Amino acid sequence: MLKELPEPEAVTSSRESGDSDADLAERWQAGDNSAAEALIDRHLDRIRAYLNPRCGNNADADDLTQEVFLAVSRHIGTYRRDSPFSGWLYGIARNKVADFWRSHRPQQPLETVHEGIDERSPARIHEESENASRAWKDVFRLLPEAQASALWLRIQEDLPISEIATALNVTLSNAKVLLFRARQTLATHWQSRPL
């Protein structure tokens, strides 16, 4: 049975209205499908980007992204407006990654070597993207999960420390310590690496 989509004007008005995540979540809780779609559209790419380096491949990241938003849909009623929606959402994503690794083992090596890359602009862009992806995979290999997640949320998602603390279910002080230790460990590791 196909789900009937809301009128395009309704979806557009939710996206363009500048509603906060908390406002949209509250409307979703009240049954507003356009608010649900607006929230999903707003966070889908960021959640997928958060999950991709933790999974090891695009297919698993896509599957986990879908699982995250299914869980959000099932549990939207438990969201409390007094905490940031993004922290609540990333907490769900973090739990899905933990569930994933409890039931899976890595299917591919962490590093792959690419030879003969064309130096033209598109190839250079691809190479830089691959290097960034490899660097994040190294981060997740070297650091404990909580430290790596805190660093990702701070650098890639530009979340404030208070939202990182909410997402990781730690105190504000603990979130600061996680970030400090992550940076310290990586600096020591990368300084000791031969160039």
C-alpha atoms as a PDB file:
ATOM      1  CA  MET A   1       0.000   0.000   0.000  1.00  0.00           C
ATOM      2  CA  LEU A   2       1.514   3.354  -1.024  1.00  0.00           C
ATOM      3  CA  LYS A   3       1.693   6.185   1.433  1.00  0.00           C
ATOM      4  CA  GLU A   4      -0.053   9.310   0.256  1.00  0.00           C
ATOM      5  CA  LEU A   5       2.388  12.236   0.185  1.00  0.00           C
ATOM      6  CA  PRO A   6       1.412  15.671   1.457  1.00  0.00           C
ATOM      7  CA  GLU A   7       0.785  18.452  -1.017  1.00  0.00           C
ATOM      8  CA  PRO A   8       4.080  19.973  -2.299  1.00  0.00           C
ATOM      9  CA  GLU A   9       3.132  23.421  -0.962  1.00  0.00           C
ATOM     10  CA  ALA A  10       2.860  22.039   2.588  1.00  0.00           C
ATOM     11  CA  VAL A  11       6.333  20.502   2.452  1.00  0.00           C
ATOM     12  CA  THR A  12       7.850  23.630   0.963  1.00  0.00           C
ATOM     13  CA  SER A  13       6.287  25.877   3.570  1.00  0.00           C
ATOM     14  CA  SER A  14       7.764  23.788   6.426  1.00  0.00           C
ATOM     15  CA  ARG A  15      11.229  23.913   4.913  1.00  0.00           C
ATOM     16  CA  GLU A  16      11.136  27.581   4.087  1.00  0.00           C
ATOM     17  CA  SER A  17       9.535  28.708   7.328  1.00  0.00           C
ATOM     18  CA  GLY A  18      12.790  28.385   9.236  1.00  0.00           C
ATOM     19  CA  ASP A  19      11.161  26.334  11.975  1.00  0.00           C
ATOM     20  CA  SER A  20      13.593  25.069  14.583  1.00  0.00           C
ATOM     21  CA  ASP A  21      14.260  21.363  14.903  1.00  0.00           C
ATOM     22  CA  ALA A  22      12.356  21.380  18.204  1.00  0.00           C
ATOM     23  CA  ASP A  23       9.330  23.046  16.572  1.00  0.00           C
ATOM     24  CA  LEU A  24       9.341  20.540  13.722  1.00  0.00           C
ATOM     25  CA  ALA A  25       9.732  17.611  16.138  1.00  0.00           C
ATOM     26  CA  GLU A  26       6.806  18.871  18.171  1.00  0.00           C
ATOM     27  CA  ARG A  27       4.665  19.136  15.033  1.00  0.00           C
ATOM     28  CA  TRP A  28       5.794  15.625  13.995  1.00  0.00           C
ATOM     29  CA  GLN A  29       4.715  14.342  17.388  1.00  0.00           C
ATOM     30  CA  ALA A  30       1.299  15.873  16.682  1.00  0.00           C
ATOM     31  CA  GLY A  31       1.103  13.966  13.382  1.00  0.00           C
ATOM     32  CA  ASP A  32       2.313  16.588  10.886  1.00  0.00           C
ATOM     33  CA  ASN A  33       3.943  14.594   8.056  1.00  0.00           C
ATOM     34  CA  SER A  34       5.378  17.706   6.406  1.00  0.00           C
ATOM     35  CA  ALA A  35       7.290  18.467   9.617  1.00  0.00           C
ATOM     36  CA  ALA A  36       8.643  14.900   9.606  1.00  0.00           C
ATOM     37  CA  GLU A  37       9.798  15.263   6.015  1.00  0.00           C
ATOM     38  CA  ALA A  38      11.393  18.639   6.726  1.00  0.00           C
ATOM     39  CA  LEU A  39      13.349  17.231   9.690  1.00  0.00           C
ATOM     40  CA  ILE A  40      14.495  14.205   7.710  1.00  0.00           C
ATOM     41  CA  ASP A  41      15.531  16.365   4.754  1.00  0.00           C
ATOM     42  CA  ARG A  42      17.427  18.685   7.088  1.00  0.00           C
ATOM     43  CA  HIS A  43      19.439  15.906   8.762  1.00  0.00           C
ATOM     44  CA  LEU A  44      19.638  13.024   6.270  1.00  0.00           C
ATOM     45  CA  ASP A  45      22.939  13.926   4.590  1.00  0.00           C
ATOM     46  CA  ARG A  46      24.650  14.797   7.868  1.00  0.00           C
ATOM     47  CA  ILE A  47      23.611  11.543   9.528  1.00  0.00           C
ATOM     48  CA  ARG A  48      24.793   9.571   6.503  1.00  0.00           C
ATOM     49  CA  ALA A  49      28.126  11.425   6.599  1.00  0.00           C
ATOM     50  CA  TYR A  50      28.385  10.655  10.326  1.00  0.00           C
ATOM     51  CA  LEU A  51      27.713   6.950   9.758  1.00  0.00           C
ATOM     52  CA  ASN A  52      29.827   6.352   6.646  1.00  0.00           C
ATOM     53  CA  PRO A  53      33.312   6.324   8.247  1.00  0.00           C
ATOM     54  CA  ARG A  54      31.982   4.195  11.098  1.00  0.00           C
ATOM     55  CA  CYS A  55      30.611   1.500   8.761  1.00  0.00           C
ATOM     56  CA  GLY A  56      33.379   1.087   6.220  1.00  0.00           C
ATOM     57  CA  ASN A  57      31.238   1.239   3.087  1.00  0.00           C
ATOM     58  CA  ASN A  58      28.447   3.234   1.486  1.00  0.00           C
ATOM     59  CA  ALA A  59      25.899   0.418   1.393  1.00  0.00           C
ATOM     60  CA  ASP A  60      26.076  -0.170   5.153  1.00  0.00           C
ATOM     61  CA  ALA A  61      25.968   3.584   5.790  1.00  0.00           C
ATOM     62  CA  ASP A  62      22.828   3.851   3.646  1.00  0.00           C
ATOM     63  CA  ASP A  63      21.198   0.953   5.504  1.00  0.00           C
ATOM     64  CA  LEU A  64      22.086   2.392   8.900  1.00  0.00           C
ATOM     65  CA  THR A  65      20.854   5.844   7.887  1.00  0.00           C
ATOM     66  CA  GLN A  66      17.515   4.309   7.023  1.00  0.00           C
ATOM     67  CA  GLU A  67      17.453   2.427  10.344  1.00  0.00           C
ATOM     68  CA  VAL A  68      18.216   5.650  12.227  1.00  0.00           C
ATOM     69  CA  PHE A  69      15.286   7.490  10.687  1.00  0.00           C
ATOM     70  CA  LEU A  70      12.981   4.512  11.165  1.00  0.00           C
ATOM     71  CA  ALA A  71      13.948   4.543  14.856  1.00  0.00           C
ATOM     72  CA  VAL A  72      13.385   8.295  14.989  1.00  0.00           C
ATOM     73  CA  SER A  73       9.945   7.779  13.458  1.00  0.00           C
ATOM     74  CA  ARG A  74       9.081   5.072  15.980  1.00  0.00           C
ATOM     75  CA  HIS A  75      10.398   7.026  18.974  1.00  0.00           C
ATOM     76  CA  ILE A  76       9.619  10.661  18.068  1.00  0.00           C
ATOM     77  CA  GLY A  77       7.158  10.660  20.944  1.00  0.00           C
ATOM     78  CA  THR A  78      10.040  10.295  23.420  1.00  0.00           C
ATOM     79  CA  TYR A  79      11.862  13.417  22.215  1.00  0.00           C
ATOM     80  CA  ARG A  80      11.795  16.182  24.837  1.00  0.00           C
ATOM     81  CA  ARG A  81      11.950  19.766  23.675  1.00  0.00           C
ATOM     82  CA  ASP A  82      14.288  20.739  26.550  1.00  0.00           C
ATOM     83  CA  SER A  83      17.217  18.961  24.864  1.00  0.00           C
ATOM     84  CA  PRO A  84      18.616  19.643  21.386  1.00  0.00           C
ATOM     85  CA  PHE A  85      17.041  17.525  18.657  1.00  0.00           C
ATOM     86  CA  SER A  86      20.404  17.011  16.945  1.00  0.00           C
ATOM     87  CA  GLY A  87      21.885  15.586  20.155  1.00  0.00           C
ATOM     88  CA  TRP A  88      18.954  13.189  20.480  1.00  0.00           C
ATOM     89  CA  LEU A  89      19.266  12.229  16.802  1.00  0.00           C
ATOM     90  CA  TYR A  90      23.031  11.612  16.951  1.00  0.00           C
ATOM     91  CA  GLY A  91      22.509   9.541  20.087  1.00  0.00           C
ATOM     92  CA  ILE A  92      20.200   7.263  18.097  1.00  0.00           C
ATOM     93  CA  ALA A  93      22.745   7.123  15.250  1.00  0.00           C
ATOM     94  CA  ARG A  94      25.528   6.244  17.695  1.00  0.00           C
ATOM     95  CA  ASN A  95      23.431   3.431  19.171  1.00  0.00           C
ATOM     96  CA  LYS A  96      22.693   2.068  15.676  1.00  0.00           C
ATOM     97  CA  VAL A  97      26.428   1.978  14.917  1.00  0.00           C
ATOM     98  CA  ALA A  98      27.054   0.083  18.155  1.00  0.00           C
ATOM     99  CA  ASP A  99      24.300  -2.397  17.245  1.00  0.00           C
ATOM    100  CA  PHE A 100      25.797  -2.755  13.763  1.00  0.00           C
ATOM    101  CA  TRP A 101      29.266  -3.627  15.062  1.00  0.00           C
ATOM    102  CA  ARG A 102      27.863  -6.066  17.594  1.00  0.00           C
ATOM    103  CA  SER A 103      26.426  -8.059  14.711  1.00  0.00           C
ATOM    104  CA  HIS A 104      29.016  -7.435  11.957  1.00  0.00           C
ATOM    105  CA  ARG A 105      32.710  -7.595  11.455  1.00  0.00           C
ATOM    106  CA  PRO A 106      34.607  -5.319   9.091  1.00  0.00           C
ATOM    107  CA  GLN A 107      34.159  -6.518   5.519  1.00  0.00           C
ATOM    108  CA  GLN A 108      36.989  -4.515   3.964  1.00  0.00           C
ATOM    109  CA  PRO A 109      40.444  -3.284   4.949  1.00  0.00           C
ATOM    110  CA  LEU A 110      40.682   0.146   6.542  1.00  0.00           C
ATOM    111  CA  GLU A 111      43.160   1.423   3.978  1.00  0.00           C
ATOM    112  CA  THR A 112      43.232   0.894   0.256  1.00  0.00           C
ATOM    113  CA  VAL A 113      46.008   1.935  -2.081  1.00  0.00           C
ATOM    114  CA  HIS A 114      45.159   3.701  -5.312  1.00  0.00           C
ATOM    115  CA  GLU A 115      47.787   3.724  -8.027  1.00  0.00           C
ATOM    116  CA  GLY A 116      47.784   5.593 -11.291  1.00  0.00           C
ATOM    117  CA  ILE A 117      45.326   8.301 -10.294  1.00  0.00           C
ATOM    118  CA  ASP A 118      44.875  10.873 -13.021  1.00  0.00           C
ATOM    119  CA  GLU A 119      46.038  14.317 -11.846  1.00  0.00           C
ATOM    120  CA  ARG A 120      43.242  16.165 -13.614  1.00  0.00           C
ATOM    121  CA  SER A 121      40.790  18.107 -11.492  1.00  0.00           C
ATOM    122  CA  PRO A 122      38.071  15.430 -11.026  1.00  0.00           C
ATOM    123  CA  ALA A 123      40.672  12.835 -10.087  1.00  0.00           C
ATOM    124  CA  ARG A 124      42.318  15.241  -7.685  1.00  0.00           C
ATOM    125  CA  ILE A 125      38.978  15.905  -6.038  1.00  0.00           C
ATOM    126  CA  HIS A 126      38.364  12.181  -5.739  1.00  0.00           C
ATOM    127  CA  GLU A 127      41.849  11.643  -4.283  1.00  0.00           C
ATOM    128  CA  GLU A 128      41.338  14.332  -1.676  1.00  0.00           C
ATOM    129  CA  SER A 129      37.981  12.836  -0.775  1.00  0.00           C
ATOM    130  CA  GLU A 130      39.572   9.407  -0.425  1.00  0.00           C
ATOM    131  CA  ASN A 131      42.357  10.871   1.741  1.00  0.00           C
ATOM    132  CA  ALA A 132      39.828  12.518   4.031  1.00  0.00           C
ATOM    133  CA  SER A 133      37.843   9.294   4.241  1.00  0.00           C
ATOM    134  CA  ARG A 134      41.011   7.347   5.067  1.00  0.00           C
ATOM    135  CA  ALA A 135      41.979   9.899   7.696  1.00  0.00           C
ATOM    136  CA  TRP A 136      38.592   9.554   9.435  1.00  0.00           C
ATOM    137  CA  LYS A 137      38.849   5.776   9.281  1.00  0.00           C
ATOM    138  CA  ASP A 138      42.261   6.083  10.952  1.00  0.00           C
ATOM    139  CA  VAL A 139      40.709   8.300  13.615  1.00  0.00           C
ATOM    140  CA  PHE A 140      38.082   5.653  14.349  1.00  0.00           C
ATOM    141  CA  ARG A 141      40.715   2.935  14.361  1.00  0.00           C
ATOM    142  CA  LEU A 142      43.077   4.782  16.712  1.00  0.00           C
ATOM    143  CA  LEU A 143      40.655   6.322  19.189  1.00  0.00           C
ATOM    144  CA  PRO A 144      38.032   4.876  21.498  1.00  0.00           C
ATOM    145  CA  GLU A 145      34.538   5.228  20.000  1.00  0.00           C
ATOM    146  CA  ALA A 146      33.456   8.015  22.356  1.00  0.00           C
ATOM    147  CA  GLN A 147      36.524  10.149  21.570  1.00  0.00           C
ATOM    148  CA  ALA A 148      36.249   9.586  17.822  1.00  0.00           C
ATOM    149  CA  SER A 149      32.524  10.364  17.850  1.00  0.00           C
ATOM    150  CA  ALA A 150      33.060  13.538  19.871  1.00  0.00           C
ATOM    151  CA  LEU A 151      35.743  14.694  17.442  1.00  0.00           C
ATOM    152  CA  TRP A 152      33.549  13.934  14.402  1.00  0.00           C
ATOM    153  CA  LEU A 153      30.595  15.810  15.854  1.00  0.00           C
ATOM    154  CA  ARG A 154      32.779  18.815  16.661  1.00  0.00           C
ATOM    155  CA  ILE A 155      34.756  18.995  13.409  1.00  0.00           C
ATOM    156  CA  GLN A 156      32.481  17.570  10.734  1.00  0.00           C
ATOM    157  CA  GLU A 157      29.096  18.514  12.168  1.00  0.00           C
ATOM    158  CA  ASP A 158      30.244  21.712  13.918  1.00  0.00           C
ATOM    159  CA  LEU A 159      28.080  20.898  16.934  1.00  0.00           C
ATOM    160  CA  PRO A 160      28.567  22.856  20.137  1.00  0.00           C
ATOM    161  CA  ILE A 161      30.035  20.910  23.024  1.00  0.00           C
ATOM    162  CA  SER A 162      26.696  20.921  24.864  1.00  0.00           C
ATOM    163  CA  GLU A 163      25.035  19.042  21.962  1.00  0.00           C
ATOM    164  CA  ILE A 164      27.996  16.650  21.737  1.00  0.00           C
ATOM    165  CA  ALA A 165      27.504  15.886  25.431  1.00  0.00           C
ATOM    166  CA  THR A 166      23.812  15.174  24.808  1.00  0.00           C
ATOM    167  CA  ALA A 167      24.538  12.973  21.781  1.00  0.00           C
ATOM    168  CA  LEU A 168      27.124  10.932  23.665  1.00  0.00           C
ATOM    169  CA  ASN A 169      25.107  10.893  26.892  1.00  0.00           C
ATOM    170  CA  VAL A 170      27.955  12.388  28.948  1.00  0.00           C
ATOM    171  CA  THR A 171      28.364  15.534  31.025  1.00  0.00           C
ATOM    172  CA  LEU A 172      29.629  18.750  29.484  1.00  0.00           C
ATOM    173  CA  SER A 173      32.957  18.314  31.297  1.00  0.00           C
ATOM    174  CA  ASN A 174      33.311  14.753  30.022  1.00  0.00           C
ATOM    175  CA  ALA A 175      32.650  15.903  26.443  1.00  0.00           C
ATOM    176  CA  LYS A 176      35.455  18.463  26.794  1.00  0.00           C
ATOM    177  CA  VAL A 177      37.783  15.785  28.177  1.00  0.00           C
ATOM    178  CA  LEU A 178      36.910  13.417  25.300  1.00  0.00           C
ATOM    179  CA  LEU A 179      37.770  16.114  22.754  1.00  0.00           C
ATOM    180  CA  PHE A 180      40.997  17.030  24.530  1.00  0.00           C
ATOM    181  CA  ARG A 181      42.165  13.417  24.780  1.00  0.00           C
ATOM    182  CA  ALA A 182      41.232  12.709  21.161  1.00  0.00           C
ATOM    183  CA  ARG A 183      43.251  15.673  19.915  1.00  0.00           C
ATOM    184  CA  GLN A 184      46.156  14.819  22.201  1.00  0.00           C
ATOM    185  CA  THR A 185      46.272  11.169  21.070  1.00  0.00           C
ATOM    186  CA  LEU A 186      46.064  12.083  17.386  1.00  0.00           C
ATOM    187  CA  ALA A 187      48.726  14.788  17.687  1.00  0.00           C
ATOM    188  CA  THR A 188      51.104  12.343  19.362  1.00  0.00           C
ATOM    189  CA  HIS A 189      50.361   9.628  16.803  1.00  0.00           C
ATOM    190  CA  TRP A 190      50.694  11.855  13.747  1.00  0.00           C
ATOM    191  CA  GLN A 191      53.867  13.554  15.018  1.00  0.00           C
ATOM    192  CA  SER A 192      55.525  10.167  15.425  1.00  0.00           C
ATOM    193  CA  ARG A 193      54.568   9.010  11.909  1.00  0.00           C
ATOM    194  CA  PRO A 194      57.244   9.173   9.227  1.00  0.00           C
ATOM    195  CA  LEU A 195      56.319  11.377   6.287  1.00  0.00           C
END
